[in-house]
Protein backbone atom coordinates (compact mmCIF):
# COMPACT_ATOMS: atom_id res chain seq x y z
CA MET A 1 -83.71 37.49 8.85
CA ILE A 2 -81.91 40.20 6.96
CA SER A 3 -83.17 41.21 3.54
CA ALA A 4 -81.25 43.61 1.28
CA SER A 5 -83.15 45.72 -1.23
CA ILE A 6 -81.58 46.27 -4.63
CA LEU A 7 -83.47 49.55 -5.04
CA ALA A 8 -80.38 51.61 -4.19
CA SER A 9 -77.87 49.34 -5.94
CA ASP A 10 -75.96 50.10 -9.12
CA LEU A 11 -77.88 47.96 -11.61
CA SER A 12 -75.04 48.14 -14.13
CA CYS A 13 -73.00 46.08 -11.62
CA LEU A 14 -75.84 43.91 -10.34
CA ARG A 15 -73.86 40.66 -10.05
CA GLU A 16 -71.05 42.36 -8.13
CA GLU A 17 -73.45 44.24 -5.85
CA ILE A 18 -75.28 41.04 -4.93
CA ALA A 19 -72.03 39.12 -4.42
CA ARG A 20 -70.72 41.86 -2.12
CA VAL A 21 -73.68 41.69 0.29
CA SER A 22 -74.64 38.00 -0.02
CA PRO A 23 -72.48 36.76 2.88
CA TYR A 24 -74.33 39.10 5.25
CA ILE A 25 -77.97 38.66 4.22
CA ASP A 26 -80.65 35.99 4.12
CA MET A 27 -82.58 37.18 1.06
CA ILE A 28 -82.74 39.78 -1.72
CA HIS A 29 -85.67 42.22 -1.75
CA LEU A 30 -87.19 43.86 -4.83
CA ASP A 31 -89.51 46.84 -4.48
CA VAL A 32 -91.67 46.52 -7.59
CA MET A 33 -93.37 49.82 -8.44
CA ASP A 34 -95.57 49.88 -11.53
CA GLY A 35 -96.74 53.49 -11.75
CA VAL A 36 -100.34 52.46 -10.95
CA PHE A 37 -100.46 51.91 -7.18
CA VAL A 38 -97.60 54.35 -6.60
CA PRO A 39 -96.40 57.14 -8.90
CA ASN A 40 -92.91 55.64 -9.29
CA ILE A 41 -91.73 52.95 -11.69
CA THR A 42 -88.86 50.68 -10.72
CA PHE A 43 -88.42 47.24 -12.27
CA GLY A 44 -90.34 44.15 -13.17
CA LEU A 45 -89.93 40.61 -14.37
CA PRO A 46 -86.79 41.15 -16.51
CA LEU A 47 -84.82 42.38 -13.50
CA LEU A 48 -86.24 39.65 -11.28
CA LYS A 49 -84.93 37.09 -13.79
CA ALA A 50 -81.54 38.82 -13.83
CA VAL A 51 -81.34 38.71 -10.04
CA ARG A 52 -82.22 35.00 -10.04
CA LYS A 53 -79.25 34.35 -12.34
CA CYS A 54 -76.94 36.13 -9.88
CA THR A 55 -77.81 34.34 -6.66
CA ASP A 56 -79.42 31.30 -5.07
CA LEU A 57 -80.67 33.38 -2.14
CA PRO A 58 -84.44 33.61 -1.73
CA ILE A 59 -86.03 36.64 -3.42
CA ASP A 60 -88.73 38.65 -1.68
CA SER A 61 -90.76 41.20 -3.61
CA HIS A 62 -93.77 43.41 -3.22
């Protein structure tokens, strides 16, 4: 299985970024960082919902 992380994607072009890689992957991966367990903050539920609207691929997150 191939999973593509959106961590390095251009979030202002999320739909296009996902469409570009979708033919080559099995799922989308989201690295959720909340500033508690790691010092970084990435994204949460709003972005997860946006990704779901862009693709029917399975979404993996941790």
